[in-house]
C-alpha atoms as a PDB file:
ATOM      1  CA  ASP A   1     129.920  89.979 101.512  1.00  0.00           C
ATOM      2  CA  ARG A   2     127.140  92.253 102.813  1.00  0.00           C
ATOM      3  CA  ILE A   3     125.751  95.405 101.263  1.00  0.00           C
ATOM      4  CA  LEU A   4     122.792  97.496 102.417  1.00  0.00           C
ATOM      5  CA  ILE A   5     121.389 100.442 100.493  1.00  0.00           C
ATOM      6  CA  THR A   6     118.621 102.347 102.286  1.00  0.00           C
ATOM      7  CA  HIS A   7     116.030 104.907 101.211  1.00  0.00           C
ATOM      8  CA  THR A   8     116.064 103.764  97.609  1.00  0.00           C
ATOM      9  CA  GLY A   9     113.606 102.799  94.913  1.00  0.00           C
ATOM     10  CA  LYS A  10     112.903 100.211  92.266  1.00  0.00           C
ATOM     11  CA  GLU A  11     114.722 102.216  89.569  1.00  0.00           C
ATOM     12  CA  VAL A  12     117.956 102.207  91.590  1.00  0.00           C
ATOM     13  CA  TYR A  13     117.524  98.488  92.228  1.00  0.00           C
ATOM     14  CA  THR A  14     117.177  97.869  88.493  1.00  0.00           C
ATOM     15  CA  ALA A  15     120.461  99.712  87.875  1.00  0.00           C
ATOM     16  CA  VAL A  16     122.261  97.933  90.736  1.00  0.00           C
ATOM     17  CA  ARG A  17     120.991  94.538  89.548  1.00  0.00           C
ATOM     18  CA  THR A  18     122.784  94.959  86.193  1.00  0.00           C
ATOM     19  CA  THR A  19     126.106  94.828  88.073  1.00  0.00           C
ATOM     20  CA  ILE A  20     125.227  92.871  91.225  1.00  0.00           C
ATOM     21  CA  GLU A  21     122.997  89.984  90.199  1.00  0.00           C
ATOM     22  CA  ASP A  22     122.326  88.699  93.713  1.00  0.00           C
ATOM     23  CA  ALA A  23     120.976  92.025  94.974  1.00  0.00           C
ATOM     24  CA  CYS A  24     117.475  91.834  96.472  1.00  0.00           C
ATOM     25  CA  TYR A  25     114.971  94.684  96.725  1.00  0.00           C
ATOM     26  CA  ASN A  26     112.523  95.089  99.608  1.00  0.00           C
ATOM     27  CA  PRO A  27     109.717  97.393  98.452  1.00  0.00           C
ATOM     28  CA  VAL A  28     108.313  97.830 101.965  1.00  0.00           C
ATOM     29  CA  SER A  29     111.545  99.106 103.533  1.00  0.00           C
ATOM     30  CA  ASN A  30     112.879 100.595 100.272  1.00  0.00           C
ATOM     31  CA  THR A  31     116.183  98.794 100.752  1.00  0.00           C
ATOM     32  CA  ILE A  32     118.540  96.824  98.544  1.00  0.00           C
ATOM     33  CA  VAL A  33     120.428  93.978 100.208  1.00  0.00           C
ATOM     34  CA  VAL A  34     123.277  91.753  99.156  1.00  0.00           C
ATOM     35  CA  ASN A  35     124.033  89.003 101.655  1.00  0.00           C
ATOM     36  CA  ARG A  36     126.623  86.484 100.561  1.00  0.00           C
ATOM     37  CA  VAL A  37     127.106  85.076 104.061  1.00  0.00           C
ATOM     38  CA  LYS A  38     125.333  81.732 103.893  1.00  0.00           C
ATOM     39  CA  ASP A  39     124.404  79.406 106.740  1.00  0.00           C
ATOM     40  CA  ALA A  40     125.059  82.042 109.399  1.00  0.00           C
ATOM     41  CA  VAL A  41     123.667  81.265 112.836  1.00  0.00           C
ATOM     42  CA  LEU A  42     121.345  84.137 113.701  1.00  0.00           C
ATOM     43  CA  GLN A  43     121.327  85.616 117.200  1.00  0.00           C
ATOM     44  CA  SER A  44     117.788  85.896 118.569  1.00  0.00           C
ATOM     45  CA  GLY A  45     116.759  88.663 120.951  1.00  0.00           C
ATOM     46  CA  ILE A  46     115.502  91.624 118.910  1.00  0.00           C
ATOM     47  CA  THR A  47     111.842  92.517 118.554  1.00  0.00           C
ATOM     48  CA  VAL A  48     110.663  95.374 116.332  1.00  0.00           C
ATOM     49  CA  VAL A  49     107.322  96.900 117.263  1.00  0.00           C
ATOM     50  CA  THR A  50     105.113  99.457 115.534  1.00  0.00           C
ATOM     51  CA  ALA A  51     102.324 101.561 116.910  1.00  0.00           C
ATOM     52  CA  GLY A  52     100.426 101.591 113.615  1.00  0.00           C
ATOM     53  CA  THR A  53     100.534 100.263 110.086  1.00  0.00           C
ATOM     54  CA  SER A  54     101.916 103.516 108.652  1.00  0.00           C
ATOM     55  CA  ASP A  55     105.065 102.901 110.746  1.00  0.00           C
ATOM     56  CA  ILE A  56     105.842  99.570 109.040  1.00  0.00           C
ATOM     57  CA  PRO A  57     108.227 100.874 106.312  1.00  0.00           C
ATOM     58  CA  VAL A  58     110.552 102.423 108.914  1.00  0.00           C
ATOM     59  CA  ALA A  59     110.251  99.312 111.092  1.00  0.00           C
ATOM     60  CA  GLU A  60     111.106  97.058 108.147  1.00  0.00           C
ATOM     61  CA  GLU A  61     114.254  99.122 107.526  1.00  0.00           C
ATOM     62  CA  ALA A  62     115.283  98.337 111.114  1.00  0.00           C
ATOM     63  CA  VAL A  63     114.463  94.649 110.604  1.00  0.00           C
ATOM     64  CA  VAL A  64     116.482  94.395 107.375  1.00  0.00           C
ATOM     65  CA  THR A  65     119.452  96.145 109.001  1.00  0.00           C
ATOM     66  CA  ALA A  66     119.489  93.971 112.136  1.00  0.00           C
ATOM     67  CA  GLU A  67     119.035  90.776 110.123  1.00  0.00           C
ATOM     68  CA  LEU A  68     121.907  91.669 107.813  1.00  0.00           C
ATOM     69  CA  MET A  69     124.079  92.038 110.929  1.00  0.00           C
ATOM     70  CA  GLY A  70     123.325  88.418 111.872  1.00  0.00           C
ATOM     71  CA  ASN A  71     120.287  88.787 114.111  1.00  0.00           C
ATOM     72  CA  ARG A  72     116.944  87.012 114.091  1.00  0.00           C
ATOM     73  CA  VAL A  73     114.206  89.616 114.460  1.00  0.00           C
ATOM     74  CA  GLU A  74     110.673  89.134 115.748  1.00  0.00           C
ATOM     75  CA  LYS A  75     108.013  91.584 114.542  1.00  0.00           C
ATOM     76  CA  ILE A  76     104.910  92.862 116.288  1.00  0.00           C
ATOM     77  CA  PHE A  77     103.070  95.428 114.192  1.00  0.00           C
ATOM     78  CA  ASP A  78     100.080  97.654 114.953  1.00  0.00           C
ATOM     79  CA  ILE A  79      99.951  97.488 118.754  1.00  0.00           C
ATOM     80  CA  GLY A  80      99.607 101.182 119.491  1.00  0.00           C
ATOM     81  CA  ILE A  81      98.204 102.523 122.719  1.00  0.00           C
ATOM     82  CA  ALA A  82      94.776 103.101 121.190  1.00  0.00           C
ATOM     83  CA  GLY A  83      94.416  99.296 121.351  1.00  0.00           C
ATOM     84  CA  ILE A  84      96.393  98.618 124.526  1.00  0.00           C
ATOM     85  CA  HIS A  85      95.041  95.054 124.669  1.00  0.00           C
ATOM     86  CA  ARG A  86      97.191  94.195 121.615  1.00  0.00           C
ATOM     87  CA  LEU A  87     100.259  95.349 123.517  1.00  0.00           C
ATOM     88  CA  LEU A  88      99.320  93.332 126.588  1.00  0.00           C
ATOM     89  CA  ASP A  89      98.650  90.248 124.423  1.00  0.00           C
ATOM     90  CA  ASN A  90     102.325  90.379 123.335  1.00  0.00           C
ATOM     91  CA  LEU A  91     103.855  91.076 126.734  1.00  0.00           C
ATOM     92  CA  THR A  92     105.593  87.678 127.001  1.00  0.00           C
ATOM     93  CA  LEU A  93     107.512  88.164 123.732  1.00  0.00           C
ATOM     94  CA  LEU A  94     108.401  91.747 124.644  1.00  0.00           C
ATOM     95  CA  ARG A  95     109.775  90.686 128.027  1.00  0.00           C
ATOM     96  CA  LYS A  96     111.889  87.842 126.663  1.00  0.00           C
ATOM     97  CA  SER A  97     113.562  90.093 124.077  1.00  0.00           C
ATOM     98  CA  ARG A  98     117.056  91.459 124.750  1.00  0.00           C
ATOM     99  CA  VAL A  99     116.358  94.751 122.949  1.00  0.00           C
ATOM    100  CA  LEU A 100     113.292  96.387 121.428  1.00  0.00           C
ATOM    101  CA  VAL A 101     112.956  98.791 118.519  1.00  0.00           C
ATOM    102  CA  VAL A 102     109.688 100.695 118.943  1.00  0.00           C
ATOM    103  CA  VAL A 103     108.505 102.728 115.962  1.00  0.00           C
ATOM    104  CA  ALA A 104     105.685 105.250 116.377  1.00  0.00           C
ATOM    105  CA  GLY A 105     104.295 108.398 114.830  1.00  0.00           C
ATOM    106  CA  MET A 106     101.446 110.696 115.941  1.00  0.00           C
ATOM    107  CA  GLU A 107     102.183 111.448 119.615  1.00  0.00           C
ATOM    108  CA  GLY A 108     104.958 108.830 119.939  1.00  0.00           C
ATOM    109  CA  ALA A 109     103.809 107.497 123.306  1.00  0.00           C
ATOM    110  CA  LEU A 110     104.302 103.766 122.660  1.00  0.00           C
ATOM    111  CA  PRO A 111     108.020 103.546 123.615  1.00  0.00           C
ATOM    112  CA  GLY A 112     107.301 105.171 126.987  1.00  0.00           C
ATOM    113  CA  VAL A 113     104.372 102.859 127.681  1.00  0.00           C
ATOM    114  CA  ILE A 114     106.426  99.775 126.833  1.00  0.00           C
ATOM    115  CA  GLY A 115     109.391 101.142 128.800  1.00  0.00           C
ATOM    116  CA  GLY A 116     107.196 101.300 131.869  1.00  0.00           C
ATOM    117  CA  ILE A 117     106.412  97.580 131.780  1.00  0.00           C
ATOM    118  CA  VAL A 118     109.412  95.889 130.109  1.00  0.00           C
ATOM    119  CA  PRO A 119     112.930  96.021 131.634  1.00  0.00           C
ATOM    120  CA  VAL A 120     114.975  95.831 128.410  1.00  0.00           C
ATOM    121  CA  PRO A 121     116.695  98.507 126.314  1.00  0.00           C
ATOM    122  CA  ILE A 122     114.340 100.288 123.932  1.00  0.00           C
ATOM    123  CA  ILE A 123     115.364 102.150 120.814  1.00  0.00           C
ATOM    124  CA  ALA A 124     112.569 104.580 119.991  1.00  0.00           C
ATOM    125  CA  VAL A 125     112.049 105.664 116.381  1.00  0.00           C
ATOM    126  CA  PRO A 126     109.707 108.561 115.602  1.00  0.00           C
ATOM    127  CA  THR A 127     108.119 108.512 112.158  1.00  0.00           C
ATOM    128  CA  SER A 128     106.996 111.298 109.869  1.00  0.00           C
ATOM    129  CA  GLU A 129     104.102 109.237 108.496  1.00  0.00           C
ATOM    130  CA  GLY A 130     100.584 108.927 109.791  1.00  0.00           C
ATOM    131  CA  TYR A 131      97.877 111.403 110.575  1.00  0.00           C
ATOM    132  CA  GLY A 132      97.248 114.027 113.207  1.00  0.00           C
ATOM    133  CA  ALA A 133      99.346 117.045 114.128  1.00  0.00           C
ATOM    134  CA  SER A 134     102.668 115.231 114.312  1.00  0.00           C
ATOM    135  CA  PHE A 135     104.549 117.953 112.392  1.00  0.00           C
ATOM    136  CA  GLN A 136     106.395 115.475 110.119  1.00  0.00           C
ATOM    137  CA  GLY A 137     107.657 113.495 113.119  1.00  0.00           C
ATOM    138  CA  LEU A 138     108.649 116.361 115.400  1.00  0.00           C
ATOM    139  CA  ALA A 139     105.837 115.709 117.908  1.00  0.00           C
ATOM    140  CA  PRO A 140     106.694 112.010 118.408  1.00  0.00           C
ATOM    141  CA  LEU A 141     110.412 112.849 118.535  1.00  0.00           C
ATOM    142  CA  LEU A 142     109.863 115.304 121.383  1.00  0.00           C
ATOM    143  CA  THR A 143     107.580 112.888 123.243  1.00  0.00           C
ATOM    144  CA  MET A 144     110.182 110.131 122.995  1.00  0.00           C
ATOM    145  CA  LEU A 145     112.987 112.419 124.131  1.00  0.00           C
ATOM    146  CA  ASN A 146     110.899 113.484 127.135  1.00  0.00           C
ATOM    147  CA  SER A 147     109.830 110.007 128.228  1.00  0.00           C
ATOM    148  CA  CYS A 148     110.031 109.279 131.949  1.00  0.00           C
ATOM    149  CA  ALA A 149     110.455 105.538 131.352  1.00  0.00           C
ATOM    150  CA  PRO A 150     114.050 104.357 131.869  1.00  0.00           C
ATOM    151  CA  GLY A 151     116.138 102.576 129.256  1.00  0.00           C
ATOM    152  CA  ILE A 152     114.966 104.439 126.164  1.00  0.00           C
ATOM    153  CA  ALA A 153     117.353 105.737 123.510  1.00  0.00           C
ATOM    154  CA  VAL A 154     115.933 107.784 120.642  1.00  0.00           C
ATOM    155  CA  VAL A 155     117.150 107.929 117.057  1.00  0.00           C
ATOM    156  CA  ASN A 156     116.183 110.565 114.520  1.00  0.00           C
ATOM    157  CA  ILE A 157     112.908 110.731 112.614  1.00  0.00           C
ATOM    158  CA  ASP A 158     112.449 107.800 110.179  1.00  0.00           C
ATOM    159  CA  ASN A 159     115.888 106.380 111.083  1.00  0.00           C
ATOM    160  CA  GLY A 160     115.087 102.681 110.883  1.00  0.00           C
ATOM    161  CA  PHE A 161     118.665 101.979 109.807  1.00  0.00           C
ATOM    162  CA  GLY A 162     120.153 103.617 112.910  1.00  0.00           C
ATOM    163  CA  ALA A 163     117.705 101.820 115.192  1.00  0.00           C
ATOM    164  CA  GLY A 164     118.319  98.427 113.575  1.00  0.00           C
ATOM    165  CA  TYR A 165     122.076  98.916 113.717  1.00  0.00           C
ATOM    166  CA  LEU A 166     122.052  99.909 117.385  1.00  0.00           C
ATOM    167  CA  ALA A 167     119.731  97.003 118.232  1.00  0.00           C
ATOM    168  CA  GLY A 168     122.086  94.658 116.406  1.00  0.00           C
ATOM    169  CA  LEU A 169     125.084  95.942 118.351  1.00  0.00           C
ATOM    170  CA  ILE A 170     123.278  95.617 121.687  1.00  0.00           C
ATOM    171  CA  ASN A 171     122.002  92.142 120.878  1.00  0.00           C
ATOM    172  CA  MET A 172     125.418  90.845 119.868  1.00  0.00           C
ATOM    173  CA  GLN A 173     126.996  91.866 123.190  1.00  0.00           C
ATOM    174  CA  LYS A 174     127.729  89.030 125.582  1.00  0.00           C
ATOM    175  CA  SER A 175     126.224  89.726 128.959  1.00  0.00           C
ATOM    176  CA  GLY A 176     127.597  88.467 132.240  1.00  0.00           C
ATOM    177  CA  ALA A 177     125.415  90.789 134.286  1.00  0.00           C
ATOM    178  CA  THR A 178     122.202  89.912 136.040  1.00  0.00           C
ATOM    179  CA  ASP A 179     118.959  91.067 134.550  1.00  0.00           C
ATOM    180  CA  ALA A 180     117.058  94.169 135.678  1.00  0.00           C
ATOM    181  CA  THR A 181     114.959  92.155 138.135  1.00  0.00           C
ATOM    182  CA  GLY A 182     118.053  91.048 140.065  1.00  0.00           C
ATOM    183  CA  GLY A 183     118.007  87.407 138.895  1.00  0.00           C
ATOM    184  CA  ASP A 184     120.621  85.511 136.923  1.00  0.00           C
END
């Protein structure tokens, strides 16, 4: 009922479409999706965030993955630390989310900054895109792995699928625990 093909192109989609007529191609995330589950109630709680616009393809892969798992996903793109006011303008949405996927290249500092002000699980995704001396994603990967902020898990470079899948699993868990602030 559900099929997801990642890291693909239009030519593969054309070939798949000859056999699977209801396949859909997303050129931003480079994914092919078949979703035959209709009228599913989507679970809200996931927000996908990018530091910059060059991070959007990896973020969209996470969005497509989490949505295919039955989640409603909010998106906040281009709120990197160079424009910290954009992050602060979205603080309410970030805090009401159950799990965040934060995608960043360059120095990869955004997950740590958000982790310092939002008490929810964060899945950090380093990207190989962008400019600067990021060494094809190695610099942001190391920054994310070394973050002092609590509650951050890191997936591999450009692994939007892994981040979206993990976010989907976390979001679908039923919680009987109190939140991080001690309330119900």
